[in-house]
């Protein structure tokens, strides 16, 4: 999808500065779309925190100066994730799968929440409908990916370098990611760093949904 976007921008704009500004415009639009989904979602579940949620996204310096200012594709992934969360919260799981599939076609890291979403939807379905639900969501994701890849199909490289990507040394590559998850799941808490032990403790405390939480310099 990002290849299509880049091709469209470079076909319209010829100058380097114009191309950069076009990517920034796309990033601005995607950030505004993400903000819209977040505000709508928070407005449904906790209206009193709507302004705070808007400020966390709209006034976040990382989003404003790094992501939007730099015209990064990460903001498109952010839009896909925000849209998917909103759709799941409003019980529209199939559009959520569509959003995350498009996000994964922009940047492969979005495939992780996509896989988690499909597993979540299948687990929530009635046992008699799980195969049907799995087929609908997996088929939708595969179909969108196939349509996006059809124009690039070729005999010399039929996998479009997907095999090379799987073997890539990045931490997000599937083999490395699975290995890191296995190590993290089986690792005793006492062997974690002090900061990570504090994070685990905070998560364990919040799982019980306490009415009051007293924290001493939680961000230190």
N, C-alpha and C. Protein backbone atom coordinates (compact mmCIF):
# COMPACT_ATOMS: atom_id res chain seq x y z
N UNK A 1 0.83 -1.20 0.00
CA UNK A 1 0.00 0.00 0.00
C UNK A 1 0.87 1.25 0.00
N UNK A 2 1.94 1.22 0.78
CA UNK A 2 2.81 2.39 0.82
C UNK A 2 3.48 2.62 -0.53
N UNK A 3 3.77 1.54 -1.26
CA UNK A 3 4.35 1.70 -2.59
C UNK A 3 3.37 2.43 -3.50
N UNK A 4 2.09 2.06 -3.42
CA UNK A 4 1.07 2.75 -4.20
C UNK A 4 0.99 4.22 -3.81
N UNK A 5 1.03 4.49 -2.52
CA UNK A 5 0.97 5.87 -2.04
C UNK A 5 2.17 6.68 -2.53
N UNK A 6 3.35 6.09 -2.40
CA UNK A 6 4.56 6.79 -2.83
C UNK A 6 4.55 7.02 -4.34
N UNK A 7 4.06 6.03 -5.10
CA UNK A 7 3.99 6.19 -6.55
C UNK A 7 3.03 7.31 -6.94
N UNK A 8 1.90 7.41 -6.22
CA UNK A 8 0.93 8.46 -6.52
C UNK A 8 1.50 9.84 -6.21
N UNK A 9 2.19 9.95 -5.09
CA UNK A 9 2.76 11.25 -4.70
C UNK A 9 3.84 11.68 -5.68
N UNK A 10 4.75 10.76 -6.02
CA UNK A 10 5.84 11.12 -6.93
C UNK A 10 5.36 11.34 -8.35
N UNK A 11 4.18 10.79 -8.70
CA UNK A 11 3.63 11.04 -10.03
C UNK A 11 3.03 12.44 -10.13
N UNK A 12 2.54 12.95 -9.01
CA UNK A 12 1.91 14.28 -9.00
C UNK A 12 2.94 15.37 -8.74
N UNK A 13 3.84 15.11 -7.80
CA UNK A 13 4.83 16.12 -7.41
C UNK A 13 6.21 15.70 -7.90
N UNK A 14 6.90 16.61 -8.56
CA UNK A 14 8.19 16.29 -9.15
C UNK A 14 9.36 16.80 -8.30
N UNK A 15 9.18 17.93 -7.66
CA UNK A 15 10.27 18.49 -6.86
C UNK A 15 10.42 17.77 -5.54
N UNK A 16 11.66 17.69 -5.03
CA UNK A 16 11.93 17.01 -3.78
C UNK A 16 11.19 17.65 -2.62
N UNK A 17 11.20 18.98 -2.56
CA UNK A 17 10.51 19.68 -1.48
C UNK A 17 9.01 19.41 -1.53
N UNK A 18 8.45 19.41 -2.73
CA UNK A 18 7.02 19.15 -2.87
C UNK A 18 6.66 17.73 -2.44
N UNK A 19 7.52 16.78 -2.75
CA UNK A 19 7.28 15.40 -2.34
C UNK A 19 7.31 15.29 -0.82
N UNK A 20 8.28 15.93 -0.20
CA UNK A 20 8.38 15.90 1.27
C UNK A 20 7.13 16.50 1.90
N UNK A 21 6.69 17.64 1.37
CA UNK A 21 5.49 18.29 1.91
C UNK A 21 4.25 17.43 1.70
N UNK A 22 4.21 16.69 0.60
CA UNK A 22 3.07 15.80 0.35
C UNK A 22 3.02 14.68 1.37
N UNK A 23 4.18 14.10 1.68
CA UNK A 23 4.22 13.06 2.70
C UNK A 23 3.83 13.64 4.07
N UNK A 24 4.23 14.87 4.34
CA UNK A 24 3.83 15.51 5.59
C UNK A 24 2.32 15.73 5.62
N UNK A 25 1.74 16.09 4.48
CA UNK A 25 0.29 16.28 4.42
C UNK A 25 -0.43 14.97 4.69
N UNK A 26 0.09 13.87 4.15
CA UNK A 26 -0.49 12.55 4.42
C UNK A 26 -0.39 12.22 5.90
N UNK A 27 0.77 12.53 6.49
CA UNK A 27 0.95 12.27 7.92
C UNK A 27 0.00 13.11 8.76
N UNK A 28 -0.22 14.35 8.37
CA UNK A 28 -1.17 15.21 9.10
C UNK A 28 -2.57 14.64 9.01
N UNK A 29 -2.97 14.24 7.82
CA UNK A 29 -4.31 13.66 7.64
C UNK A 29 -4.47 12.39 8.46
N UNK A 30 -3.44 11.54 8.47
CA UNK A 30 -3.52 10.29 9.23
C UNK A 30 -3.56 10.56 10.72
N UNK A 31 -2.80 11.56 11.18
CA UNK A 31 -2.83 11.89 12.61
C UNK A 31 -4.19 12.44 13.02
N UNK A 32 -4.79 13.26 12.16
CA UNK A 32 -6.13 13.78 12.45
C UNK A 32 -7.16 12.65 12.46
N UNK A 33 -7.01 11.70 11.54
CA UNK A 33 -7.90 10.54 11.54
C UNK A 33 -7.75 9.71 12.80
N UNK A 34 -6.50 9.51 13.24
CA UNK A 34 -6.26 8.79 14.49
C UNK A 34 -6.89 9.52 15.67
N UNK A 35 -6.72 10.84 15.68
CA UNK A 35 -7.31 11.65 16.74
C UNK A 35 -8.82 11.51 16.76
N UNK A 36 -9.43 11.49 15.59
CA UNK A 36 -10.89 11.36 15.50
C UNK A 36 -11.36 10.04 16.10
N UNK A 37 -10.68 8.94 15.75
CA UNK A 37 -11.07 7.64 16.29
C UNK A 37 -10.88 7.59 17.80
N UNK A 38 -9.77 8.14 18.29
CA UNK A 38 -9.51 8.11 19.73
C UNK A 38 -10.56 8.92 20.49
N UNK A 39 -10.86 10.12 20.00
CA UNK A 39 -11.84 10.97 20.67
C UNK A 39 -13.22 10.32 20.66
N UNK A 40 -13.60 9.73 19.53
CA UNK A 40 -14.90 9.06 19.46
C UNK A 40 -14.96 7.88 20.43
N UNK A 41 -13.88 7.12 20.50
CA UNK A 41 -13.86 5.96 21.37
C UNK A 41 -13.94 6.36 22.84
N UNK A 42 -13.10 7.32 23.23
CA UNK A 42 -13.11 7.76 24.63
C UNK A 42 -14.45 8.41 24.97
N UNK A 43 -15.04 9.09 24.01
CA UNK A 43 -16.35 9.68 24.24
C UNK A 43 -17.42 8.65 24.55
N UNK A 44 -17.24 7.43 24.05
CA UNK A 44 -18.20 6.35 24.31
C UNK A 44 -17.97 5.69 25.66
N UNK A 45 -16.70 5.49 26.02
CA UNK A 45 -16.41 4.71 27.23
C UNK A 45 -16.13 5.58 28.45
N UNK A 46 -15.58 6.77 28.26
CA UNK A 46 -15.29 7.65 29.39
C UNK A 46 -15.31 9.10 28.91
N UNK A 47 -16.50 9.67 28.77
CA UNK A 47 -16.63 11.02 28.20
C UNK A 47 -15.85 12.10 28.96
N UNK A 48 -15.70 11.95 30.26
CA UNK A 48 -15.01 12.97 31.04
C UNK A 48 -13.52 13.04 30.73
N UNK A 49 -12.98 12.03 30.05
CA UNK A 49 -11.55 12.01 29.70
C UNK A 49 -11.33 12.31 28.23
N UNK A 50 -12.35 12.79 27.55
CA UNK A 50 -12.25 13.00 26.11
C UNK A 50 -11.21 14.07 25.76
N UNK A 51 -11.23 15.18 26.50
CA UNK A 51 -10.27 16.27 26.23
C UNK A 51 -8.84 15.81 26.50
N UNK A 52 -8.67 15.02 27.56
CA UNK A 52 -7.33 14.51 27.89
C UNK A 52 -6.82 13.59 26.78
N UNK A 53 -7.69 12.71 26.28
CA UNK A 53 -7.29 11.80 25.21
C UNK A 53 -6.92 12.57 23.95
N UNK A 54 -7.69 13.63 23.65
CA UNK A 54 -7.39 14.44 22.47
C UNK A 54 -6.03 15.12 22.62
N UNK A 55 -5.73 15.61 23.82
CA UNK A 55 -4.45 16.27 24.05
C UNK A 55 -3.29 15.28 23.97
N UNK A 56 -3.50 14.06 24.45
CA UNK A 56 -2.44 13.05 24.42
C UNK A 56 -2.01 12.72 22.99
N UNK A 57 -2.94 12.79 22.06
CA UNK A 57 -2.61 12.51 20.66
C UNK A 57 -2.28 13.79 19.91
N UNK A 58 -3.19 14.76 20.00
CA UNK A 58 -3.05 15.98 19.21
C UNK A 58 -1.91 16.88 19.63
N UNK A 59 -1.56 16.86 20.93
CA UNK A 59 -0.49 17.73 21.42
C UNK A 59 0.75 16.94 21.82
N UNK A 60 0.80 15.68 21.46
CA UNK A 60 1.96 14.86 21.79
C UNK A 60 3.15 15.31 20.94
N UNK A 61 4.25 15.73 21.56
CA UNK A 61 5.38 16.23 20.77
C UNK A 61 6.00 15.16 19.87
N UNK A 62 5.96 13.90 20.30
CA UNK A 62 6.50 12.83 19.45
C UNK A 62 5.68 12.73 18.16
N UNK A 63 4.36 12.81 18.30
CA UNK A 63 3.49 12.75 17.13
C UNK A 63 3.66 13.99 16.26
N UNK A 64 3.66 15.16 16.90
CA UNK A 64 3.70 16.42 16.15
C UNK A 64 5.02 16.63 15.42
N UNK A 65 6.11 16.52 16.14
CA UNK A 65 7.40 16.92 15.58
C UNK A 65 8.14 15.76 14.90
N UNK A 66 8.08 14.58 15.49
CA UNK A 66 8.83 13.45 14.92
C UNK A 66 8.04 12.76 13.82
N UNK A 67 6.85 12.30 14.16
CA UNK A 67 6.09 11.48 13.20
C UNK A 67 5.47 12.33 12.10
N UNK A 68 4.68 13.33 12.49
CA UNK A 68 4.01 14.17 11.49
C UNK A 68 5.02 15.08 10.80
N UNK A 69 5.86 15.74 11.59
CA UNK A 69 6.84 16.65 11.00
C UNK A 69 7.80 15.95 10.06
N UNK A 70 8.12 14.70 10.36
CA UNK A 70 9.03 13.95 9.50
C UNK A 70 8.33 13.19 8.38
N UNK A 71 6.99 13.23 8.37
CA UNK A 71 6.25 12.52 7.33
C UNK A 71 6.44 11.02 7.39
N UNK A 72 6.53 10.46 8.60
CA UNK A 72 6.79 9.04 8.77
C UNK A 72 5.56 8.20 8.42
N UNK A 73 5.81 6.98 7.94
CA UNK A 73 4.71 6.07 7.65
C UNK A 73 4.11 5.50 8.93
N UNK A 74 4.82 5.64 10.04
CA UNK A 74 4.30 5.10 11.29
C UNK A 74 2.93 5.69 11.64
N UNK A 75 2.68 6.91 11.22
CA UNK A 75 1.40 7.53 11.54
C UNK A 75 0.26 6.82 10.81
N UNK A 76 0.53 6.22 9.66
CA UNK A 76 -0.49 5.43 8.97
C UNK A 76 -0.80 4.15 9.74
N UNK A 77 0.22 3.56 10.34
CA UNK A 77 0.01 2.40 11.18
C UNK A 77 -0.78 2.80 12.43
N UNK A 78 -0.47 3.96 12.98
CA UNK A 78 -1.22 4.47 14.14
C UNK A 78 -2.70 4.64 13.79
N UNK A 79 -2.96 5.15 12.60
CA UNK A 79 -4.34 5.31 12.15
C UNK A 79 -5.03 3.95 12.04
N UNK A 80 -4.34 2.97 11.49
CA UNK A 80 -4.92 1.63 11.35
C UNK A 80 -5.23 1.02 12.71
N UNK A 81 -4.32 1.17 13.66
CA UNK A 81 -4.53 0.60 14.99
C UNK A 81 -5.67 1.33 15.71
N UNK A 82 -5.69 2.67 15.62
CA UNK A 82 -6.75 3.43 16.27
C UNK A 82 -8.11 3.07 15.68
N UNK A 83 -8.18 2.93 14.37
CA UNK A 83 -9.44 2.56 13.73
C UNK A 83 -9.87 1.16 14.15
N UNK A 84 -8.91 0.23 14.22
CA UNK A 84 -9.24 -1.14 14.60
C UNK A 84 -9.77 -1.21 16.04
N UNK A 85 -9.14 -0.49 16.94
CA UNK A 85 -9.61 -0.48 18.33
C UNK A 85 -11.02 0.09 18.42
N UNK A 86 -11.27 1.15 17.67
CA UNK A 86 -12.60 1.74 17.67
C UNK A 86 -13.64 0.76 17.12
N UNK A 87 -13.31 0.09 16.04
CA UNK A 87 -14.25 -0.85 15.44
C UNK A 87 -14.52 -2.03 16.37
N UNK A 88 -13.48 -2.51 17.05
CA UNK A 88 -13.69 -3.61 18.00
C UNK A 88 -14.58 -3.16 19.15
N UNK A 89 -14.34 -1.95 19.65
CA UNK A 89 -15.15 -1.43 20.75
C UNK A 89 -16.60 -1.25 20.36
N UNK A 90 -16.85 -1.00 19.09
CA UNK A 90 -18.22 -0.84 18.60
C UNK A 90 -18.75 -2.12 17.95
N UNK A 91 -18.08 -3.25 18.26
CA UNK A 91 -18.51 -4.57 17.82
C UNK A 91 -18.57 -4.70 16.29
N UNK A 92 -17.57 -4.14 15.63
CA UNK A 92 -17.43 -4.28 14.19
C UNK A 92 -16.04 -4.85 13.90
N UNK A 93 -15.92 -6.15 14.16
CA UNK A 93 -14.61 -6.78 14.10
C UNK A 93 -14.06 -6.90 12.68
N UNK A 94 -14.94 -7.14 11.70
CA UNK A 94 -14.44 -7.30 10.33
C UNK A 94 -13.82 -6.02 9.78
N UNK A 95 -14.44 -4.84 9.97
CA UNK A 95 -13.74 -3.60 9.57
C UNK A 95 -12.41 -3.42 10.30
N UNK A 96 -12.33 -3.91 11.54
CA UNK A 96 -11.06 -3.82 12.27
C UNK A 96 -9.99 -4.65 11.59
N UNK A 97 -10.37 -5.84 11.10
CA UNK A 97 -9.43 -6.68 10.36
C UNK A 97 -8.99 -5.98 9.07
N UNK A 98 -9.92 -5.33 8.40
CA UNK A 98 -9.58 -4.59 7.18
C UNK A 98 -8.57 -3.48 7.50
N UNK A 99 -8.83 -2.72 8.57
CA UNK A 99 -7.94 -1.61 8.94
C UNK A 99 -6.53 -2.11 9.24
N UNK A 100 -6.42 -3.17 10.03
CA UNK A 100 -5.10 -3.66 10.40
C UNK A 100 -4.40 -4.34 9.22
N UNK A 101 -5.15 -4.94 8.33
CA UNK A 101 -4.54 -5.51 7.13
C UNK A 101 -3.91 -4.43 6.27
N UNK A 102 -4.64 -3.34 6.08
CA UNK A 102 -4.08 -2.21 5.33
C UNK A 102 -2.86 -1.65 6.05
N UNK A 103 -2.95 -1.56 7.39
CA UNK A 103 -1.79 -1.09 8.16
C UNK A 103 -0.59 -2.00 7.99
N UNK A 104 -0.82 -3.32 7.97
CA UNK A 104 0.28 -4.27 7.78
C UNK A 104 0.88 -4.16 6.40
N UNK A 105 0.07 -3.76 5.41
CA UNK A 105 0.59 -3.57 4.06
C UNK A 105 1.39 -2.28 3.95
N UNK A 106 1.23 -1.40 4.92
CA UNK A 106 2.07 -0.20 4.99
C UNK A 106 3.37 -0.51 5.71
N UNK A 107 3.24 -1.19 6.86
CA UNK A 107 4.42 -1.57 7.64
C UNK A 107 4.11 -2.90 8.32
N UNK A 108 5.01 -3.86 8.16
CA UNK A 108 4.75 -5.23 8.58
C UNK A 108 4.51 -5.35 10.08
N UNK A 109 4.95 -4.38 10.87
CA UNK A 109 4.75 -4.45 12.32
C UNK A 109 3.27 -4.50 12.69
N UNK A 110 2.40 -3.97 11.84
CA UNK A 110 0.96 -4.02 12.12
C UNK A 110 0.40 -5.43 11.99
N UNK A 111 1.19 -6.37 11.46
CA UNK A 111 0.72 -7.75 11.37
C UNK A 111 0.59 -8.38 12.75
N UNK A 112 1.34 -7.88 13.72
CA UNK A 112 1.26 -8.43 15.08
C UNK A 112 -0.11 -8.16 15.69
N UNK A 113 -0.58 -6.90 15.76
CA UNK A 113 -1.94 -6.69 16.28
C UNK A 113 -3.01 -7.33 15.40
N UNK A 114 -2.75 -7.47 14.10
CA UNK A 114 -3.71 -8.14 13.23
C UNK A 114 -3.88 -9.60 13.65
N UNK A 115 -2.78 -10.29 13.89
CA UNK A 115 -2.85 -11.68 14.32
C UNK A 115 -3.54 -11.80 15.68
N UNK A 116 -3.23 -10.87 16.58
CA UNK A 116 -3.87 -10.89 17.90
C UNK A 116 -5.37 -10.63 17.78
N UNK A 117 -5.76 -9.73 16.89
CA UNK A 117 -7.18 -9.44 16.70
C UNK A 117 -7.92 -10.67 16.19
N UNK A 118 -7.37 -11.33 15.19
CA UNK A 118 -8.03 -12.51 14.63
C UNK A 118 -8.15 -13.60 15.68
N UNK A 119 -7.09 -13.81 16.47
CA UNK A 119 -7.15 -14.80 17.55
C UNK A 119 -8.21 -14.43 18.58
N UNK A 120 -8.30 -13.14 18.90
CA UNK A 120 -9.30 -12.67 19.87
C UNK A 120 -10.72 -12.88 19.36
N UNK A 121 -10.95 -12.55 18.10
CA UNK A 121 -12.29 -12.70 17.53
C UNK A 121 -12.70 -14.17 17.47
N UNK A 122 -11.76 -15.04 17.10
CA UNK A 122 -12.06 -16.46 17.04
C UNK A 122 -12.36 -17.02 18.43
N UNK A 123 -11.57 -16.59 19.42
CA UNK A 123 -11.78 -17.08 20.78
C UNK A 123 -13.12 -16.64 21.35
N UNK A 124 -13.60 -15.45 20.96
CA UNK A 124 -14.87 -14.95 21.47
C UNK A 124 -16.08 -15.56 20.77
N UNK A 125 -15.87 -16.12 19.61
CA UNK A 125 -16.99 -16.69 18.85
C UNK A 125 -17.48 -17.98 19.50
N UNK A 126 -18.72 -18.31 19.24
CA UNK A 126 -19.27 -19.57 19.71
C UNK A 126 -18.52 -20.74 19.06
N UNK A 127 -18.33 -21.83 19.79
CA UNK A 127 -17.55 -22.95 19.24
C UNK A 127 -18.04 -23.43 17.89
N UNK A 128 -19.34 -23.39 17.67
CA UNK A 128 -19.88 -23.87 16.40
C UNK A 128 -19.62 -22.90 15.25
N UNK A 129 -19.25 -21.67 15.55
CA UNK A 129 -19.06 -20.65 14.51
C UNK A 129 -17.60 -20.27 14.33
N UNK A 130 -16.70 -20.88 15.07
CA UNK A 130 -15.32 -20.44 15.04
C UNK A 130 -14.66 -20.63 13.68
N UNK A 131 -14.94 -21.74 13.02
CA UNK A 131 -14.34 -21.95 11.70
C UNK A 131 -14.86 -20.93 10.70
N UNK A 132 -16.14 -20.61 10.81
CA UNK A 132 -16.72 -19.62 9.90
C UNK A 132 -16.14 -18.24 10.16
N UNK A 133 -16.01 -17.88 11.43
CA UNK A 133 -15.43 -16.58 11.78
C UNK A 133 -13.97 -16.51 11.34
N UNK A 134 -13.23 -17.59 11.60
CA UNK A 134 -11.82 -17.62 11.18
C UNK A 134 -11.70 -17.47 9.68
N UNK A 135 -12.54 -18.16 8.94
CA UNK A 135 -12.49 -18.06 7.48
C UNK A 135 -12.80 -16.67 6.98
N UNK A 136 -13.78 -16.01 7.63
CA UNK A 136 -14.15 -14.66 7.21
C UNK A 136 -13.01 -13.67 7.43
N UNK A 137 -12.38 -13.73 8.60
CA UNK A 137 -11.34 -12.75 8.92
C UNK A 137 -10.03 -13.06 8.20
N UNK A 138 -9.63 -14.32 8.22
CA UNK A 138 -8.39 -14.69 7.51
C UNK A 138 -8.57 -14.48 6.01
N UNK A 139 -9.73 -14.86 5.49
CA UNK A 139 -9.99 -14.66 4.06
C UNK A 139 -9.98 -13.21 3.67
N UNK A 140 -10.54 -12.34 4.53
CA UNK A 140 -10.53 -10.91 4.25
C UNK A 140 -9.11 -10.37 4.20
N UNK A 141 -8.31 -10.75 5.21
CA UNK A 141 -6.92 -10.28 5.26
C UNK A 141 -6.12 -10.78 4.06
N UNK A 142 -6.25 -12.06 3.73
CA UNK A 142 -5.51 -12.62 2.61
C UNK A 142 -5.98 -12.01 1.29
N UNK A 143 -7.29 -11.80 1.17
CA UNK A 143 -7.82 -11.21 -0.06
C UNK A 143 -7.32 -9.80 -0.31
N UNK A 144 -7.31 -8.99 0.74
CA UNK A 144 -6.81 -7.61 0.59
C UNK A 144 -5.32 -7.63 0.24
N UNK A 145 -4.57 -8.48 0.93
CA UNK A 145 -3.13 -8.57 0.64
C UNK A 145 -2.88 -9.04 -0.79
N UNK A 146 -3.69 -9.99 -1.25
CA UNK A 146 -3.53 -10.50 -2.61
C UNK A 146 -3.82 -9.41 -3.64
N UNK A 147 -4.91 -8.66 -3.44
CA UNK A 147 -5.25 -7.60 -4.37
C UNK A 147 -4.16 -6.52 -4.42
N UNK A 148 -3.57 -6.23 -3.26
CA UNK A 148 -2.51 -5.23 -3.24
C UNK A 148 -1.23 -5.73 -3.90
N UNK A 149 -1.02 -7.05 -3.87
CA UNK A 149 0.23 -7.60 -4.40
C UNK A 149 0.15 -8.01 -5.86
N UNK A 150 -1.07 -8.18 -6.38
CA UNK A 150 -1.24 -8.67 -7.76
C UNK A 150 -0.43 -7.88 -8.78
N UNK A 151 -0.46 -6.54 -8.76
CA UNK A 151 0.30 -5.79 -9.78
C UNK A 151 1.80 -6.01 -9.71
N UNK A 152 2.30 -6.52 -8.58
CA UNK A 152 3.74 -6.69 -8.42
C UNK A 152 4.18 -8.14 -8.61
N UNK A 153 3.24 -9.03 -8.93
CA UNK A 153 3.58 -10.44 -9.08
C UNK A 153 4.53 -10.64 -10.25
N UNK A 154 5.47 -11.59 -10.07
CA UNK A 154 6.47 -11.86 -11.10
C UNK A 154 7.01 -13.27 -10.91
N UNK A 155 7.59 -13.82 -11.95
CA UNK A 155 8.13 -15.16 -11.87
C UNK A 155 9.47 -15.21 -11.18
N UNK A 156 10.29 -14.17 -11.36
CA UNK A 156 11.64 -14.19 -10.80
C UNK A 156 11.64 -14.03 -9.29
N UNK A 157 10.63 -13.38 -8.74
CA UNK A 157 10.57 -13.17 -7.29
C UNK A 157 9.12 -13.30 -6.84
N UNK A 158 8.56 -14.51 -6.89
CA UNK A 158 7.12 -14.68 -6.62
C UNK A 158 6.71 -14.34 -5.19
N UNK A 159 7.63 -14.43 -4.25
CA UNK A 159 7.27 -14.13 -2.86
C UNK A 159 7.42 -12.65 -2.53
N UNK A 160 7.88 -11.84 -3.50
CA UNK A 160 8.09 -10.40 -3.28
C UNK A 160 8.99 -10.14 -2.08
N UNK A 161 10.01 -10.98 -1.94
CA UNK A 161 11.01 -10.85 -0.87
C UNK A 161 10.44 -11.12 0.52
N UNK A 162 9.28 -11.77 0.61
CA UNK A 162 8.73 -12.10 1.91
C UNK A 162 9.59 -13.11 2.65
N UNK A 163 10.20 -14.04 1.89
CA UNK A 163 11.09 -15.01 2.51
C UNK A 163 12.28 -14.32 3.15
N UNK A 164 12.85 -13.36 2.43
CA UNK A 164 13.98 -12.60 2.99
C UNK A 164 13.55 -11.81 4.21
N UNK A 165 12.33 -11.28 4.19
CA UNK A 165 11.84 -10.49 5.31
C UNK A 165 11.69 -11.35 6.55
N UNK A 166 11.19 -12.57 6.37
CA UNK A 166 11.03 -13.48 7.51
C UNK A 166 12.37 -13.81 8.15
N UNK A 167 13.41 -13.88 7.33
CA UNK A 167 14.73 -14.23 7.84
C UNK A 167 15.54 -13.01 8.27
N UNK A 168 14.92 -11.85 8.22
CA UNK A 168 15.63 -10.62 8.55
C UNK A 168 16.02 -10.60 10.02
N UNK A 169 17.09 -9.92 10.33
CA UNK A 169 17.60 -9.90 11.69
C UNK A 169 16.89 -8.94 12.62
N UNK A 170 15.92 -8.19 12.14
CA UNK A 170 15.23 -7.23 12.99
C UNK A 170 14.46 -7.95 14.09
N UNK A 171 14.25 -7.25 15.23
CA UNK A 171 13.54 -7.86 16.36
C UNK A 171 12.08 -8.13 16.03
N UNK A 172 11.53 -7.41 15.03
CA UNK A 172 10.13 -7.61 14.67
C UNK A 172 9.94 -8.73 13.67
N UNK A 173 11.04 -9.24 13.09
CA UNK A 173 10.92 -10.37 12.16
C UNK A 173 10.31 -11.55 12.89
N UNK A 174 9.44 -12.33 12.23
CA UNK A 174 8.71 -13.40 12.93
C UNK A 174 9.58 -14.34 13.76
N UNK A 175 10.70 -14.91 13.24
CA UNK A 175 11.47 -15.82 14.09
C UNK A 175 12.01 -15.13 15.34
N UNK A 176 12.56 -13.92 15.16
CA UNK A 176 13.10 -13.20 16.31
C UNK A 176 12.00 -12.80 17.28
N UNK A 177 10.84 -12.40 16.74
CA UNK A 177 9.74 -11.98 17.60
C UNK A 177 9.22 -13.15 18.44
N UNK A 178 9.04 -14.31 17.80
CA UNK A 178 8.56 -15.49 18.54
C UNK A 178 9.57 -15.89 19.60
N UNK A 179 10.85 -15.84 19.25
CA UNK A 179 11.89 -16.19 20.22
C UNK A 179 11.87 -15.25 21.41
N UNK A 180 11.72 -13.94 21.16
CA UNK A 180 11.67 -12.96 22.24
C UNK A 180 10.45 -13.18 23.12
N UNK A 181 9.31 -13.51 22.49
CA UNK A 181 8.09 -13.76 23.26
C UNK A 181 8.25 -14.99 24.16
N UNK A 182 8.85 -16.05 23.61
CA UNK A 182 9.06 -17.25 24.41
C UNK A 182 9.98 -16.99 25.59
N UNK A 183 11.05 -16.25 25.35
CA UNK A 183 11.98 -15.93 26.43
C UNK A 183 11.29 -15.07 27.48
N UNK A 184 10.48 -14.10 27.04
CA UNK A 184 9.81 -13.21 27.99
C UNK A 184 8.78 -13.96 28.82
N UNK A 185 8.03 -14.88 28.18
CA UNK A 185 6.99 -15.61 28.91
C UNK A 185 7.60 -16.55 29.95
N UNK A 186 8.69 -17.19 29.62
CA UNK A 186 9.29 -18.19 30.51
C UNK A 186 10.30 -17.60 31.48
N UNK A 187 10.55 -16.31 31.39
CA UNK A 187 11.58 -15.70 32.23
C UNK A 187 11.02 -15.35 33.60
N UNK A 188 11.66 -15.79 34.70
CA UNK A 188 11.17 -15.43 36.04
C UNK A 188 11.24 -13.92 36.27
N UNK A 189 10.27 -13.41 37.01
CA UNK A 189 10.21 -11.97 37.24
C UNK A 189 11.45 -11.48 37.99
N UNK A 190 11.98 -12.30 38.88
CA UNK A 190 13.13 -11.87 39.69
C UNK A 190 14.37 -11.62 38.85
N UNK A 191 14.41 -12.15 37.62
CA UNK A 191 15.57 -11.95 36.76
C UNK A 191 15.45 -10.69 35.91
N UNK A 192 14.30 -10.02 35.96
CA UNK A 192 14.13 -8.80 35.19
C UNK A 192 14.86 -7.65 35.84
N UNK A 193 15.06 -6.59 35.08
CA UNK A 193 15.66 -5.39 35.64
C UNK A 193 14.69 -4.77 36.65
N UNK A 194 15.21 -3.89 37.47
CA UNK A 194 14.37 -3.26 38.50
C UNK A 194 13.20 -2.50 37.87
N UNK A 195 13.47 -1.79 36.77
CA UNK A 195 12.41 -1.04 36.12
C UNK A 195 11.32 -1.94 35.57
N UNK A 196 11.72 -3.06 34.95
CA UNK A 196 10.74 -3.99 34.40
C UNK A 196 9.96 -4.70 35.51
N UNK A 197 10.61 -4.96 36.64
CA UNK A 197 9.91 -5.54 37.78
C UNK A 197 8.83 -4.59 38.28
N UNK A 198 9.15 -3.29 38.29
CA UNK A 198 8.15 -2.30 38.70
C UNK A 198 6.97 -2.27 37.72
N UNK A 199 7.27 -2.39 36.43
CA UNK A 199 6.19 -2.40 35.44
C UNK A 199 5.28 -3.61 35.63
N UNK A 200 5.88 -4.77 35.87
CA UNK A 200 5.08 -5.98 36.10
C UNK A 200 4.22 -5.81 37.35
N UNK A 201 4.79 -5.22 38.39
CA UNK A 201 4.03 -4.98 39.61
C UNK A 201 2.86 -4.04 39.40
N UNK A 202 3.08 -2.99 38.60
CA UNK A 202 1.99 -2.05 38.31
C UNK A 202 0.88 -2.73 37.52
N UNK A 203 1.26 -3.55 36.53
CA UNK A 203 0.25 -4.25 35.74
C UNK A 203 -0.55 -5.21 36.62
N UNK A 204 0.15 -5.94 37.50
CA UNK A 204 -0.54 -6.88 38.39
C UNK A 204 -1.51 -6.15 39.31
N UNK A 205 -1.11 -4.97 39.78
CA UNK A 205 -1.99 -4.21 40.66
C UNK A 205 -3.21 -3.67 39.92
N UNK A 206 -3.02 -3.26 38.68
CA UNK A 206 -4.13 -2.68 37.91
C UNK A 206 -5.10 -3.74 37.41
N UNK A 207 -4.67 -5.00 37.32
CA UNK A 207 -5.55 -6.06 36.85
C UNK A 207 -6.76 -6.23 37.76
N UNK A 208 -6.61 -5.92 39.04
CA UNK A 208 -7.71 -6.06 40.00
C UNK A 208 -8.67 -4.87 39.96
N UNK A 209 -8.41 -3.90 39.08
CA UNK A 209 -9.25 -2.70 38.95
C UNK A 209 -9.47 -2.01 40.30
N UNK A 210 -8.39 -1.61 40.97
CA UNK A 210 -8.55 -0.95 42.28
C UNK A 210 -9.18 0.43 42.14
N UNK A 211 -9.91 0.85 43.16
CA UNK A 211 -10.52 2.18 43.14
C UNK A 211 -9.49 3.27 43.40
N UNK A 212 -8.42 2.94 44.13
CA UNK A 212 -7.39 3.92 44.44
C UNK A 212 -6.02 3.28 44.27
N UNK A 213 -5.14 3.98 43.58
CA UNK A 213 -3.76 3.51 43.40
C UNK A 213 -2.82 4.60 43.87
N UNK A 214 -1.96 4.27 44.80
CA UNK A 214 -0.97 5.23 45.33
C UNK A 214 0.39 4.88 44.73
N UNK A 215 0.94 5.83 43.98
CA UNK A 215 2.20 5.61 43.27
C UNK A 215 3.24 6.62 43.73
N UNK A 216 4.45 6.14 43.96
CA UNK A 216 5.56 7.01 44.35
C UNK A 216 6.50 7.16 43.17
N UNK A 217 6.44 8.32 42.51
CA UNK A 217 7.27 8.61 41.35
C UNK A 217 7.19 7.48 40.32
N UNK A 218 6.00 7.21 39.79
CA UNK A 218 5.85 6.09 38.85
C UNK A 218 6.60 6.27 37.56
N UNK A 219 6.87 7.51 37.15
CA UNK A 219 7.56 7.76 35.88
C UNK A 219 9.05 7.94 36.06
N UNK A 220 9.54 7.76 37.29
CA UNK A 220 10.98 7.96 37.54
C UNK A 220 11.78 6.79 36.99
